[in-house]
N, C-alpha and C. Protein backbone atom coordinates (compact mmCIF):
# COMPACT_ATOMS: atom_id res chain seq x y z
N UNK A 1 0.83 -1.41 -0.09
CA UNK A 1 -0.55 -0.28 0.04
C UNK A 1 0.63 0.98 0.21
N UNK A 2 0.36 1.98 -0.84
CA UNK A 2 1.68 3.16 -1.35
C UNK A 2 0.42 4.93 -0.67
N UNK A 3 1.51 5.48 0.14
CA UNK A 3 0.80 6.27 1.02
C UNK A 3 1.86 8.23 0.48
N UNK A 4 0.60 9.05 0.15
CA UNK A 4 1.88 10.13 0.10
C UNK A 4 1.86 10.88 1.06
N UNK A 5 2.76 11.38 1.04
CA UNK A 5 3.82 11.71 2.26
C UNK A 5 3.51 13.73 1.86
N UNK A 6 4.35 13.88 0.53
CA UNK A 6 4.23 15.62 0.54
C UNK A 6 5.19 15.48 -0.88
N UNK A 7 4.76 16.49 -1.44
CA UNK A 7 5.40 16.06 -3.03
C UNK A 7 7.36 16.29 -2.29
N UNK A 8 7.96 15.63 -3.79
CA UNK A 8 9.12 15.75 -3.21
C UNK A 8 10.06 16.40 -3.77
N UNK A 9 11.61 16.09 -4.47
CA UNK A 9 11.80 16.05 -4.89
C UNK A 9 11.86 17.34 -6.31
N UNK A 10 10.99 17.21 -6.63
CA UNK A 10 10.65 17.76 -7.76
C UNK A 10 9.04 17.97 -7.90
N UNK A 11 8.74 19.43 -8.84
CA UNK A 11 7.39 19.17 -9.29
C UNK A 11 6.77 17.72 -9.65
N UNK A 12 7.87 17.13 -10.41
CA UNK A 12 7.56 15.78 -11.47
C UNK A 12 7.30 14.71 -11.25
N UNK A 13 7.41 14.94 -9.06
CA UNK A 13 7.45 13.29 -8.81
C UNK A 13 6.43 13.61 -7.27
N UNK A 14 6.25 12.66 -6.73
CA UNK A 14 5.39 12.35 -5.38
C UNK A 14 5.69 11.59 -4.74
N UNK A 15 6.48 11.61 -3.22
CA UNK A 15 7.64 11.46 -2.33
C UNK A 15 6.58 10.39 -2.01
N UNK A 16 6.76 9.24 -2.12
CA UNK A 16 5.65 8.24 -1.62
C UNK A 16 7.02 7.27 -0.08
N UNK A 17 5.49 6.06 0.36
CA UNK A 17 6.03 5.07 1.94
C UNK A 17 6.18 4.23 1.12
N UNK A 18 6.95 2.64 1.22
CA UNK A 18 6.02 2.23 1.04
C UNK A 18 5.25 1.82 2.77
N UNK A 19 3.96 1.42 2.54
CA UNK A 19 3.73 1.41 3.97
C UNK A 19 4.91 0.10 4.77
N UNK A 20 4.63 -1.39 3.90
CA UNK A 20 5.15 -2.56 4.37
C UNK A 20 6.27 -2.52 5.31
N UNK A 21 7.29 -2.01 4.76
CA UNK A 21 9.33 -1.68 4.69
C UNK A 21 9.07 -0.51 5.12
N UNK A 22 8.63 0.57 4.95
CA UNK A 22 8.74 1.94 5.29
C UNK A 22 9.89 2.70 4.50
N UNK A 23 9.95 1.92 3.41
CA UNK A 23 11.05 2.18 2.56
C UNK A 23 10.95 3.82 1.61
N UNK A 24 11.64 4.45 1.26
CA UNK A 24 10.93 5.72 0.27
C UNK A 24 11.38 5.87 -0.69
N UNK A 25 10.75 6.30 -1.72
CA UNK A 25 11.11 6.04 -3.15
C UNK A 25 10.08 7.31 -3.97
N UNK A 26 10.30 7.11 -5.53
CA UNK A 26 9.83 8.59 -5.71
C UNK A 26 8.24 7.37 -7.01
N UNK A 27 7.86 8.60 -7.14
CA UNK A 27 7.10 8.11 -8.35
C UNK A 27 6.73 9.05 -9.11
N UNK A 28 7.07 8.51 -10.65
CA UNK A 28 6.73 9.89 -11.34
C UNK A 28 5.52 9.65 -12.25
N UNK A 29 5.12 11.43 -11.83
CA UNK A 29 3.58 11.65 -12.63
C UNK A 29 3.68 10.72 -14.01
N UNK A 30 2.58 10.99 -14.60
CA UNK A 30 1.90 9.96 -15.80
C UNK A 30 3.05 10.75 -16.97
N UNK A 31 3.69 9.85 -17.82
CA UNK A 31 4.45 10.75 -19.39
C UNK A 31 5.28 10.43 -18.82
N UNK A 32 6.88 10.48 -17.45
CA UNK A 32 7.35 11.19 -17.04
C UNK A 32 8.33 9.38 -16.34
N UNK A 33 9.57 8.69 -16.75
CA UNK A 33 10.34 8.35 -15.84
C UNK A 33 11.16 8.29 -15.10
N UNK A 34 11.13 7.85 -14.16
CA UNK A 34 12.32 8.35 -13.25
C UNK A 34 13.53 6.89 -13.41
N UNK A 35 14.76 7.52 -13.32
CA UNK A 35 15.70 6.87 -13.65
C UNK A 35 16.31 6.70 -12.06
N UNK A 36 16.61 5.09 -11.79
CA UNK A 36 17.24 4.83 -10.26
C UNK A 36 18.22 4.31 -10.52
N UNK A 37 19.11 4.42 -11.51
CA UNK A 37 20.50 3.28 -11.91
C UNK A 37 21.59 3.99 -11.49
N UNK A 38 22.50 3.52 -10.73
CA UNK A 38 24.15 3.79 -11.00
C UNK A 38 23.48 5.47 -9.69
N UNK A 39 25.11 4.99 -9.38
CA UNK A 39 24.64 6.76 -8.35
C UNK A 39 25.14 8.27 -9.17
N UNK A 40 24.89 7.68 -10.92
CA UNK A 40 24.61 9.06 -11.41
C UNK A 40 22.71 9.83 -10.69
N UNK A 41 23.01 11.06 -10.66
CA UNK A 41 21.42 11.47 -10.44
C UNK A 41 20.70 12.03 -11.83
N UNK A 42 21.60 11.95 -12.28
CA UNK A 42 20.41 12.50 -13.99
C UNK A 42 20.76 10.77 -14.67
N UNK A 43 19.08 11.37 -15.71
CA UNK A 43 18.39 10.34 -16.30
C UNK A 43 19.52 9.81 -17.90
N UNK A 44 19.76 9.15 -17.65
CA UNK A 44 20.73 8.59 -19.33
C UNK A 44 20.11 8.84 -20.64
N UNK A 45 19.26 9.57 -20.90
CA UNK A 45 19.02 10.10 -21.58
C UNK A 45 17.74 12.17 -21.83
N UNK A 46 17.91 12.06 -22.98
CA UNK A 46 17.34 13.25 -22.59
C UNK A 46 16.15 13.54 -23.79
N UNK A 47 15.19 13.21 -23.27
CA UNK A 47 13.56 13.69 -24.58
C UNK A 47 13.66 14.93 -25.33
N UNK A 48 13.13 15.22 -26.75
CA UNK A 48 13.25 15.83 -27.31
C UNK A 48 12.10 16.11 -28.53
N UNK A 49 11.49 17.54 -28.90
CA UNK A 49 10.61 17.36 -29.53
C UNK A 49 11.88 17.19 -31.61
N UNK A 50 10.93 16.63 -32.04
CA UNK A 50 11.66 16.19 -33.41
C UNK A 50 10.59 16.28 -35.07
N UNK A 51 11.26 17.60 -35.20
CA UNK A 51 9.98 17.54 -36.71
C UNK A 51 10.49 16.63 -37.48
N UNK A 52 9.68 15.43 -38.40
CA UNK A 52 10.55 14.42 -39.24
C UNK A 52 9.25 14.99 -40.74
N UNK A 53 10.29 14.32 -41.34
CA UNK A 53 9.93 13.79 -42.73
C UNK A 53 9.86 12.53 -42.96
N UNK A 54 8.25 12.32 -43.03
CA UNK A 54 8.01 10.21 -43.45
C UNK A 54 7.63 10.13 -45.08
N UNK A 55 8.79 9.13 -45.70
CA UNK A 55 8.19 9.42 -47.10
C UNK A 55 7.86 8.31 -46.95
N UNK A 56 7.38 7.69 -48.57
CA UNK A 56 5.97 6.98 -49.08
C UNK A 56 6.30 5.43 -47.95
N UNK A 57 7.39 4.63 -48.31
CA UNK A 57 7.94 3.60 -47.68
C UNK A 57 7.41 3.62 -45.69
N UNK A 58 6.98 4.91 -45.34
CA UNK A 58 6.81 5.04 -44.35
C UNK A 58 8.15 4.88 -42.90
N UNK A 59 9.50 5.63 -43.60
CA UNK A 59 10.63 6.38 -42.80
C UNK A 59 10.55 7.59 -42.33
N UNK A 60 11.13 7.38 -41.44
CA UNK A 60 11.43 8.42 -41.45
C UNK A 60 12.91 9.47 -40.85
N UNK A 61 12.83 10.59 -41.34
CA UNK A 61 14.38 11.54 -41.11
C UNK A 61 13.60 12.64 -40.29
N UNK A 62 14.72 12.86 -39.65
CA UNK A 62 14.11 13.82 -38.58
C UNK A 62 14.89 15.20 -39.24
N UNK A 63 14.64 16.35 -39.25
CA UNK A 63 14.74 17.29 -39.41
C UNK A 63 15.20 18.46 -39.39
N UNK A 64 14.47 18.56 -37.19
CA UNK A 64 15.08 20.05 -36.26
C UNK A 64 15.04 19.13 -35.07
N UNK A 65 15.03 20.06 -34.11
CA UNK A 65 15.40 19.60 -33.06
C UNK A 65 14.55 20.37 -32.32
N UNK A 66 14.04 20.23 -31.41
CA UNK A 66 13.18 20.88 -29.95
C UNK A 66 13.55 20.71 -28.78
N UNK A 67 13.75 22.40 -28.12
CA UNK A 67 14.29 21.12 -26.79
C UNK A 67 12.89 22.06 -26.01
N UNK A 68 12.84 21.70 -24.49
CA UNK A 68 11.60 21.98 -23.40
C UNK A 68 11.50 23.08 -23.48
N UNK A 69 12.44 23.61 -23.39
CA UNK A 69 12.64 25.91 -23.62
C UNK A 69 11.93 26.29 -24.91
N UNK A 70 12.06 25.25 -25.82
CA UNK A 70 11.16 25.89 -27.22
C UNK A 70 12.58 26.23 -27.46
N UNK A 71 14.01 26.35 -27.72
CA UNK A 71 15.17 26.16 -28.54
C UNK A 71 15.06 25.23 -29.72
N UNK A 72 15.01 25.62 -30.85
CA UNK A 72 14.57 24.90 -31.89
C UNK A 72 16.35 25.70 -32.84
N UNK A 73 16.68 23.82 -33.29
CA UNK A 73 18.23 23.99 -34.42
C UNK A 73 17.68 22.94 -35.79
N UNK A 74 18.23 23.13 -36.63
CA UNK A 74 18.31 22.85 -37.86
C UNK A 74 19.43 21.68 -37.82
N UNK A 75 18.87 20.04 -38.49
CA UNK A 75 19.85 19.28 -38.30
C UNK A 75 20.49 19.45 -39.41
N UNK A 76 21.48 20.01 -39.83
CA UNK A 76 21.63 20.21 -41.06
C UNK A 76 22.73 19.08 -42.04
N UNK A 77 23.22 17.74 -41.79
CA UNK A 77 23.28 16.30 -42.46
C UNK A 77 22.77 15.38 -41.20
N UNK A 78 23.14 14.03 -41.84
CA UNK A 78 22.18 12.58 -41.46
C UNK A 78 23.53 11.99 -41.54
N UNK A 79 24.64 11.57 -40.88
CA UNK A 79 26.01 11.11 -41.34
C UNK A 79 25.26 9.54 -40.87
N UNK A 80 24.32 8.46 -40.33
CA UNK A 80 24.23 7.47 -40.22
C UNK A 80 22.83 6.71 -39.73
N UNK A 81 22.28 5.61 -40.49
CA UNK A 81 20.83 5.45 -39.77
C UNK A 81 20.86 3.86 -39.36
N UNK A 82 21.05 3.11 -38.53
CA UNK A 82 21.10 2.06 -37.77
C UNK A 82 20.10 1.56 -36.81
N UNK A 83 19.87 0.51 -36.40
CA UNK A 83 19.23 -0.36 -35.03
C UNK A 83 20.60 -0.31 -34.53
N UNK A 84 19.91 0.20 -32.57
CA UNK A 84 21.70 0.66 -31.84
C UNK A 84 21.05 0.32 -30.67
N UNK A 85 21.37 -0.02 -29.86
CA UNK A 85 21.31 0.24 -28.33
C UNK A 85 21.39 1.41 -27.59
N UNK A 86 21.06 1.76 -26.37
CA UNK A 86 21.70 3.10 -25.72
C UNK A 86 21.40 2.79 -24.57
N UNK A 87 22.32 3.48 -23.31
CA UNK A 87 22.50 2.80 -21.96
C UNK A 87 20.93 2.92 -21.40
N UNK A 88 19.71 3.97 -21.91
CA UNK A 88 18.60 4.65 -22.00
C UNK A 88 17.86 2.65 -23.00
N UNK A 89 17.76 2.49 -23.45
CA UNK A 89 16.96 1.59 -24.25
C UNK A 89 18.00 1.73 -25.97
N UNK A 90 17.06 0.38 -26.04
CA UNK A 90 17.05 -0.21 -28.27
C UNK A 90 16.30 1.09 -28.96
N UNK A 91 16.82 1.24 -30.17
CA UNK A 91 15.64 1.68 -31.04
C UNK A 91 16.44 1.75 -32.22
N UNK A 92 15.78 3.56 -32.96
CA UNK A 92 16.92 3.37 -34.15
C UNK A 92 17.97 4.71 -34.14
N UNK A 93 19.06 4.63 -34.29
CA UNK A 93 19.91 5.69 -34.23
C UNK A 93 20.40 6.67 -35.44
N UNK A 94 20.05 7.32 -35.03
CA UNK A 94 20.55 9.13 -35.75
C UNK A 94 21.71 9.55 -35.85
N UNK A 95 22.98 9.20 -36.39
CA UNK A 95 23.62 10.06 -36.51
C UNK A 95 23.75 11.67 -36.80
N UNK A 96 23.72 12.23 -36.23
CA UNK A 96 23.14 14.04 -36.60
C UNK A 96 24.51 14.54 -36.39
N UNK A 97 24.48 15.90 -37.51
CA UNK A 97 25.41 16.92 -37.37
C UNK A 97 24.14 18.23 -37.02
N UNK A 98 24.55 19.34 -36.30
CA UNK A 98 24.09 19.84 -36.29
C UNK A 98 24.45 21.09 -34.74
N UNK A 99 24.72 22.41 -35.46
CA UNK A 99 25.40 23.26 -35.00
C UNK A 99 26.74 22.77 -34.53
N UNK A 100 27.20 22.23 -35.69
CA UNK A 100 28.52 22.15 -36.03
C UNK A 100 29.35 20.96 -35.11
N UNK A 101 28.32 20.26 -34.81
CA UNK A 101 29.01 18.65 -33.52
C UNK A 101 27.51 17.33 -33.73
N UNK A 102 28.18 16.74 -33.81
CA UNK A 102 28.11 15.48 -33.92
C UNK A 102 27.43 14.46 -32.65
N UNK A 103 25.69 14.33 -32.74
CA UNK A 103 24.58 13.70 -32.18
C UNK A 103 24.56 12.59 -32.03
N UNK A 104 24.11 11.73 -31.10
CA UNK A 104 23.76 10.68 -31.87
C UNK A 104 21.86 10.71 -31.16
N UNK A 105 20.14 10.66 -32.61
CA UNK A 105 20.34 10.78 -31.40
C UNK A 105 19.05 8.99 -32.15
N UNK A 106 17.83 8.97 -31.05
CA UNK A 106 18.00 7.88 -31.09
C UNK A 106 15.78 7.85 -31.30
N UNK A 107 14.97 7.05 -31.74
CA UNK A 107 14.19 6.61 -31.58
C UNK A 107 13.56 5.71 -30.76
N UNK A 108 12.76 5.52 -30.30
CA UNK A 108 12.32 4.10 -29.42
C UNK A 108 11.36 4.32 -28.52
N UNK A 109 10.46 3.47 -28.59
CA UNK A 109 8.95 3.27 -27.69
C UNK A 109 7.96 4.36 -28.52
N UNK A 110 8.38 5.13 -29.68
CA UNK A 110 7.96 5.78 -30.17
C UNK A 110 7.96 7.07 -29.70
N UNK A 111 8.93 7.56 -29.01
CA UNK A 111 9.73 8.58 -28.47
C UNK A 111 11.26 9.10 -28.81
N UNK A 112 11.48 10.18 -28.82
CA UNK A 112 12.85 10.74 -29.71
C UNK A 112 13.99 11.49 -28.04
N UNK A 113 14.98 10.80 -28.28
CA UNK A 113 16.15 10.45 -27.30
C UNK A 113 17.38 11.41 -27.82
N UNK A 114 18.03 12.04 -26.61
CA UNK A 114 19.46 11.77 -26.93
C UNK A 114 20.31 11.43 -25.83
N UNK A 115 21.56 10.41 -25.85
CA UNK A 115 22.06 10.22 -25.16
C UNK A 115 23.00 10.89 -24.07
N UNK A 116 22.52 10.91 -22.86
CA UNK A 116 24.23 11.50 -22.25
C UNK A 116 26.11 10.87 -22.23
N UNK A 117 26.08 11.74 -22.55
CA UNK A 117 27.97 10.96 -22.85
C UNK A 117 28.59 11.16 -21.15
């Protein structure tokens, strides 16, 4: 049985107590993932909005990236597309060049994300 105590670490999470053994843990609100692995306090991925082009065969091509703070970047070049596994999960990895930098953009579970280095 879960007992909600107070809002926790951030507004995205509810601090809860497991009544059976008294262990504290966080429950993410709908749509948020909770990272619980290792000593790193940051999640292994950053989700972003991506504008895509879908060709007649159903292949996705990312055109631009929009961060949560509404900054948008046009993807200059896609160097490679392949199936790959990241620390955050698997999916299709796009090697993108934008703003003079190479980044790996993943599409998995219906969402776009970048793996943190």
